[in-house]
Every structure is written in C-alpha cells, then in structure tokens.
C-alpha cells in the first residue's frame, strides 16, 4: 500500500454518510432517525439491517432513509464493511458510524467531523476522555475494556481510552481502506480495526462525547469465523475481488441489498 497522505481540509460541499448498523432495533430506530434528520439534515443516512428478525428494515424505510438489508446476521464488522463499500462506491467524502439504540447524541456529530477537518482520518467519540465522567460501566465490562485498551497500547503504542466506542467518523482515504480490509471477526471492530488503521499510517484521534443509556433493541452480535473458513460480505452492486493479501473469505454479493428511497 502506498504511503498514506494526510487528510485534507474538508469543504462545506463534501458529502457525508451516516452509517447505522442495526440488529432488531425497530423499537429505538425511529427516534434515532428522527433526531438525525433534525440535527444533521444535510447528511445522508444508510441503515444496515444485519439480518434482523423484527421490523428494523421496515421502520427504516418508513423514515425515508436508504436501507441495506442483509439476509442473515454478519455481526458489527460485516455490517460496517457493507456500509463502507456503499460509501466508497457512491462517492461519499466521509462517513460516520452511529448506533441504532439511542446511545449516541447526534448533537455530538459535528465534534467528530471537526476532528476530520483538523486532519484526522478516524475520530473516535470517547466516553472516558473527559474529566467529567457521565457514563457508568459495570465492573465486568470495565475490566474487559481495560484489557482492550492494553491490547491496543501494546500493539500500536497508542493510548486509546474508548476502544469499544461505536461512535466514529472516517475520512475518504480510510473508507477506501476499510471497504476492503475492515475485520469482521469477533471483536475485530474494536482492537483490530484500530491497529490496522495505525499500521497503515492513518491518523486516529479521540473526541470527548457524552453518551446515553440504550433506548431499546438488542446489542449487535459478533460473528465468529465458521467451520468452513468462509466469511461473507453482502452488499449491493457488482462483484468485488478478495484482498491482495488473500482474504480467505471469498465474497458473496447480493444485488439489490441497498435500496434508495
């Protein structure tokens, strides 16, 4: 991969996509999409329905946003990789990852976008960088987060306070990289994604944000590699070849998964 060039300053006319991975979120999703429409009306929204068993896709379409409906559950990494590829193929200059469960406040989006404007390729909304802690975490989960922070520090030399945050913004160069390389294995969207970005020369920044309690729905499930060794990516469009590194996944593409409304 050629040396990465620093992110350029974003212009007001640049196109932004909000990616909302969702699994069984019909309860909370309408309110989330309403808030996004009110707070960032100029941004497009793509809901990636990750094989939900409820009416997630239906309520998303009823809200007037684009929907990528996966026929079965791939987990967070697979849903995001679908969204990244959609963003790249449709010419977006930047994208944001935004939870469907109501935990993220769309009023905080511009803080992440400002970090991209300042030169970052990935801006992470962190619950733990501010001296004023407003987000409480249980003992077991807190311990797991410490392990993830330690793993990132040992592998990259970087201190990231919120490795599991699902509130992130991405530059166009990083979208192109993640569209082909974003990990879909268990916990790959936390430690591995950060380490991959670091070693590829991308600039990662953290931005203090406040988050809320879950409004409803179920946590996005992670999918481990199956016994056959085959991982699937499902997106709308033409065939995509595996990575140069020899992605063992193979690729399953379903035309028409992404629908514009």
Protein backbone atom coordinates (compact mmCIF):
# COMPACT_ATOMS: atom_id res chain seq x y z
CA UNK A 1 0.00 0.00 0.00
CA UNK A 2 1.46 3.43 -0.90
CA UNK A 3 2.33 5.84 1.86
CA UNK A 4 -0.78 7.45 3.24
CA UNK A 5 -1.16 11.18 2.69
CA UNK A 6 -2.56 13.38 5.49
CA UNK A 7 -6.27 14.06 5.26
CA UNK A 8 -7.03 17.32 3.51
CA UNK A 9 -9.29 20.03 4.86
CA UNK A 10 -12.94 19.20 4.22
CA UNK A 11 -15.11 21.64 2.32
CA UNK A 12 -18.69 22.53 3.12
CA UNK A 13 -20.00 20.86 -0.05
CA UNK A 14 -18.46 17.48 0.71
CA UNK A 15 -20.88 14.58 1.03
CA UNK A 16 -21.31 12.84 4.36
CA UNK A 17 -22.98 9.49 5.06
CA UNK A 18 -24.19 8.33 8.47
CA UNK A 19 -23.93 4.53 8.76
CA UNK A 20 -26.37 2.98 11.23
CA UNK A 21 -25.75 -0.76 11.73
CA UNK A 22 -28.86 -2.26 13.32
CA UNK A 23 -29.95 -5.64 14.66
CA UNK A 24 -33.53 -5.94 15.99
CA UNK A 25 -33.85 -2.20 16.62
CA UNK A 26 -37.41 -1.49 15.47
CA UNK A 27 -38.22 0.00 18.89
CA UNK A 28 -35.46 2.59 19.09
CA UNK A 29 -34.63 3.22 15.42
CA UNK A 30 -37.48 5.62 14.52
CA UNK A 31 -36.46 8.03 17.29
CA UNK A 32 -32.79 7.80 16.31
CA UNK A 33 -33.54 8.56 12.66
CA UNK A 34 -35.82 11.45 13.64
CA UNK A 35 -33.03 13.01 15.73
CA UNK A 36 -30.54 12.60 12.90
CA UNK A 37 -32.90 14.27 10.44
CA UNK A 38 -33.35 17.20 12.82
CA UNK A 39 -29.68 17.60 13.78
CA UNK A 40 -27.84 16.85 10.52
CA UNK A 41 -30.45 17.23 7.75
CA UNK A 42 -27.80 17.61 5.02
CA UNK A 43 -26.24 14.21 5.77
CA UNK A 44 -27.44 11.05 4.07
CA UNK A 45 -28.28 8.04 6.25
CA UNK A 46 -27.81 4.35 5.46
CA UNK A 47 -29.28 1.78 7.84
CA UNK A 48 -27.57 -1.60 7.53
CA UNK A 49 -30.11 -4.13 8.80
CA UNK A 50 -27.91 -7.01 9.94
CA UNK A 51 -30.34 -9.88 9.48
CA UNK A 52 -32.88 -8.59 11.99
CA UNK A 53 -35.80 -10.79 12.97
CA UNK A 54 -38.13 -7.86 13.64
CA UNK A 55 -39.30 -4.85 11.64
CA UNK A 56 -36.00 -2.92 11.66
CA UNK A 57 -35.82 -2.61 7.86
CA UNK A 58 -39.48 -1.64 7.59
CA UNK A 59 -39.29 1.20 10.12
CA UNK A 60 -36.08 2.45 8.48
CA UNK A 61 -37.76 2.58 5.07
CA UNK A 62 -40.78 4.29 6.62
CA UNK A 63 -38.42 7.01 7.85
CA UNK A 64 -37.29 7.64 4.28
CA UNK A 65 -33.63 6.60 4.60
CA UNK A 66 -31.60 4.19 2.50
CA UNK A 67 -31.57 0.59 3.69
CA UNK A 68 -29.08 -2.23 3.15
CA UNK A 69 -30.90 -5.35 4.30
CA UNK A 70 -28.59 -8.32 4.88
CA UNK A 71 -30.33 -11.70 4.56
CA UNK A 72 -28.65 -13.05 7.69
CA UNK A 73 -26.62 -11.78 10.63
CA UNK A 74 -22.96 -10.95 9.93
CA UNK A 75 -22.14 -9.01 13.10
CA UNK A 76 -20.92 -5.44 13.51
CA UNK A 77 -17.85 -5.85 11.32
CA UNK A 78 -19.76 -7.28 8.37
CA UNK A 79 -22.46 -4.63 8.62
CA UNK A 80 -19.91 -1.83 8.72
CA UNK A 81 -17.88 -3.23 5.85
CA UNK A 82 -21.08 -3.26 3.81
CA UNK A 83 -21.61 0.40 4.69
CA UNK A 84 -18.03 1.38 3.91
CA UNK A 85 -18.21 -0.20 0.46
CA UNK A 86 -21.51 1.54 -0.21
CA UNK A 87 -19.98 4.89 0.82
CA UNK A 88 -16.97 4.42 -1.44
CA UNK A 89 -18.99 3.30 -4.45
CA UNK A 90 -21.40 6.20 -4.09
CA UNK A 91 -18.76 8.91 -3.83
CA UNK A 92 -19.04 9.99 -0.19
CA UNK A 93 -16.18 12.05 1.19
CA UNK A 94 -16.60 10.93 4.79
CA UNK A 95 -18.85 8.74 6.91
CA UNK A 96 -19.91 8.33 10.50
CA UNK A 97 -20.74 5.19 12.44
CA UNK A 98 -23.79 5.79 14.62
CA UNK A 99 -25.59 3.31 16.89
CA UNK A 100 -29.25 2.44 16.32
CA UNK A 101 -30.07 2.03 20.02
CA UNK A 102 -30.26 5.70 21.02
CA UNK A 103 -26.98 5.82 22.99
CA UNK A 104 -25.35 8.36 20.67
CA UNK A 105 -26.35 12.01 20.65
CA UNK A 106 -26.45 13.44 17.11
CA UNK A 107 -25.59 16.85 18.57
CA UNK A 108 -22.07 15.43 19.09
CA UNK A 109 -21.58 14.57 15.41
CA UNK A 110 -20.05 17.90 14.46
CA UNK A 111 -17.33 17.40 17.08
CA UNK A 112 -16.20 14.26 15.26
CA UNK A 113 -16.46 15.97 11.87
CA UNK A 114 -14.32 18.82 13.21
CA UNK A 115 -11.61 16.30 14.11
CA UNK A 116 -11.62 15.10 10.49
CA UNK A 117 -11.38 18.71 9.35
CA UNK A 118 -8.33 19.08 11.59
CA UNK A 119 -6.56 16.22 9.81
CA UNK A 120 -7.68 13.01 11.49
CA UNK A 121 -8.70 10.01 9.40
CA UNK A 122 -10.64 8.36 12.22
CA UNK A 123 -12.30 10.32 15.01
CA UNK A 124 -13.50 8.25 17.96
CA UNK A 125 -16.20 9.59 20.24
CA UNK A 126 -14.87 8.69 23.69
CA UNK A 127 -16.88 8.36 26.86
CA UNK A 128 -13.77 8.43 29.00
CA UNK A 129 -11.51 11.31 27.91
CA UNK A 130 -13.43 13.98 29.79
CA UNK A 131 -12.69 14.64 33.45
CA UNK A 132 -16.46 14.69 33.98
CA UNK A 133 -17.49 11.01 33.80
CA UNK A 134 -21.18 10.73 32.95
CA UNK A 135 -21.22 7.20 31.51
CA UNK A 136 -21.26 4.41 34.07
CA UNK A 137 -19.88 0.96 33.25
CA UNK A 138 -20.29 -2.25 35.28
CA UNK A 139 -17.31 -3.96 36.87
CA UNK A 140 -17.08 -6.86 34.42
CA UNK A 141 -17.44 -4.67 31.36
CA UNK A 142 -14.99 -2.15 32.75
CA UNK A 143 -12.44 -4.92 33.19
CA UNK A 144 -12.93 -6.07 29.61
CA UNK A 145 -12.45 -2.52 28.38
CA UNK A 146 -9.16 -2.26 30.28
CA UNK A 147 -7.95 -5.40 28.54
CA UNK A 148 -8.85 -3.95 25.14
CA UNK A 149 -7.11 -0.67 25.93
CA UNK A 150 -3.99 -2.55 26.98
CA UNK A 151 -4.06 -4.64 23.79
CA UNK A 152 -4.24 -1.53 21.60
CA UNK A 153 -1.43 0.16 23.53
CA UNK A 154 0.84 -2.89 23.29
CA UNK A 155 0.18 -3.41 19.58
CA UNK A 156 0.24 0.21 18.43
CA UNK A 157 1.91 2.25 21.15
CA UNK A 158 -1.19 4.45 21.24
CA UNK A 159 -3.31 5.13 24.31
CA UNK A 160 -6.97 4.94 23.24
CA UNK A 161 -9.37 5.47 26.13
CA UNK A 162 -12.50 4.08 24.46
CA UNK A 163 -11.58 1.21 22.15
CA UNK A 164 -15.14 -0.15 22.07
CA UNK A 165 -16.87 3.10 21.13
CA UNK A 166 -19.27 2.65 18.22
CA UNK A 167 -19.40 6.40 17.57
CA UNK A 168 -16.73 7.12 14.95
CA UNK A 169 -16.06 9.25 11.89
CA UNK A 170 -13.94 8.24 8.88
CA UNK A 171 -12.15 10.15 6.13
CA UNK A 172 -12.46 9.15 2.47
CA UNK A 173 -8.98 7.52 2.37
CA UNK A 174 -9.85 5.41 5.41
CA UNK A 175 -13.24 4.48 3.94
CA UNK A 176 -11.44 3.14 0.87
CA UNK A 177 -9.05 1.16 3.07
CA UNK A 178 -11.77 -0.25 5.34
CA UNK A 179 -14.05 -1.13 2.40
CA UNK A 180 -11.51 -3.85 1.58
CA UNK A 181 -9.84 -4.54 4.92
CA UNK A 182 -12.30 -3.97 7.75
CA UNK A 183 -12.25 -7.03 10.04
CA UNK A 184 -15.48 -8.95 10.55
CA UNK A 185 -14.23 -11.47 13.09
CA UNK A 186 -15.23 -11.43 16.77
CA UNK A 187 -14.11 -8.11 18.37
CA UNK A 188 -12.39 -7.17 15.11
CA UNK A 189 -14.25 -3.86 15.02
CA UNK A 190 -12.54 -2.81 18.26
CA UNK A 191 -8.85 -3.66 18.63
CA UNK A 192 -8.06 -4.98 15.16
CA UNK A 193 -9.64 -2.07 13.30
CA UNK A 194 -7.67 0.45 15.36
CA UNK A 195 -4.41 -1.40 14.93
CA UNK A 196 -4.96 -1.83 11.18
CA UNK A 197 -5.57 1.90 10.78
CA UNK A 198 -2.48 2.72 12.84
CA UNK A 199 -0.13 0.43 10.91
CA UNK A 200 -1.49 1.67 7.57
CA UNK A 201 -0.45 5.19 8.54
CA UNK A 202 -3.84 6.70 9.25
CA UNK A 203 -4.28 9.37 11.91
CA UNK A 204 -6.59 8.39 14.79
CA UNK A 205 -7.96 10.96 17.22
CA UNK A 206 -10.33 10.82 20.19
CA UNK A 207 -13.03 13.37 20.89
CA UNK A 208 -14.82 13.61 24.25
CA UNK A 209 -18.55 12.94 23.93
CA UNK A 210 -21.46 12.19 26.21
CA UNK A 211 -23.49 9.07 25.61
CA UNK A 212 -26.89 7.96 26.80
CA UNK A 213 -28.37 4.68 28.01
CA UNK A 214 -29.74 2.26 25.44
CA UNK A 215 -33.27 3.19 24.36
CA UNK A 216 -34.17 -0.34 23.26
CA UNK A 217 -33.30 -3.21 20.95
CA UNK A 218 -30.52 -5.78 21.25
CA UNK A 219 -26.73 -5.44 21.12
CA UNK A 220 -25.20 -6.11 17.71
CA UNK A 221 -23.94 -9.68 17.64
CA UNK A 222 -20.40 -10.57 16.62
CA UNK A 223 -19.97 -13.48 14.22
CA UNK A 224 -17.01 -15.82 14.54
CA UNK A 225 -15.48 -17.47 11.51
CA UNK A 226 -17.46 -20.58 10.57
CA UNK A 227 -16.16 -24.14 10.33
CA UNK A 228 -15.86 -23.87 6.58
CA UNK A 229 -13.48 -20.94 6.92
CA UNK A 230 -15.73 -18.84 4.72
CA UNK A 231 -16.78 -15.33 5.68
CA UNK A 232 -19.33 -13.46 3.64
CA UNK A 233 -19.68 -9.82 2.66
CA UNK A 234 -23.08 -8.81 1.36
CA UNK A 235 -23.55 -5.51 -0.43
CA UNK A 236 -25.42 -4.17 -3.41
CA UNK A 237 -23.51 -3.91 -6.68
CA UNK A 238 -21.02 -5.74 -8.83
CA UNK A 239 -18.59 -8.47 -7.88
CA UNK A 240 -15.63 -7.44 -5.71
CA UNK A 241 -12.43 -9.43 -5.70
CA UNK A 242 -10.83 -10.61 -2.43
CA UNK A 243 -7.97 -8.62 -0.87
CA UNK A 244 -4.47 -8.81 -2.35
CA UNK A 245 -3.40 -10.37 0.94
CA UNK A 246 -5.54 -13.40 0.10
CA UNK A 247 -8.76 -12.80 2.02
CA UNK A 248 -9.89 -16.32 2.85
CA UNK A 249 -13.45 -15.11 2.90
CA UNK A 250 -14.46 -15.34 -0.67
CA UNK A 251 -17.18 -12.83 -1.44
CA UNK A 252 -20.94 -13.26 -1.57
CA UNK A 253 -22.66 -10.24 -3.07
CA UNK A 254 -26.41 -9.82 -3.23
CA UNK A 255 -27.56 -7.40 -5.89
CA UNK A 256 -30.27 -5.07 -4.67
CA UNK A 257 -29.41 -5.26 -0.98
CA UNK A 258 -29.06 -1.48 -0.93
CA UNK A 259 -32.25 0.30 -1.81
CA UNK A 260 -32.57 4.05 -2.30
CA UNK A 261 -35.69 5.79 -1.03
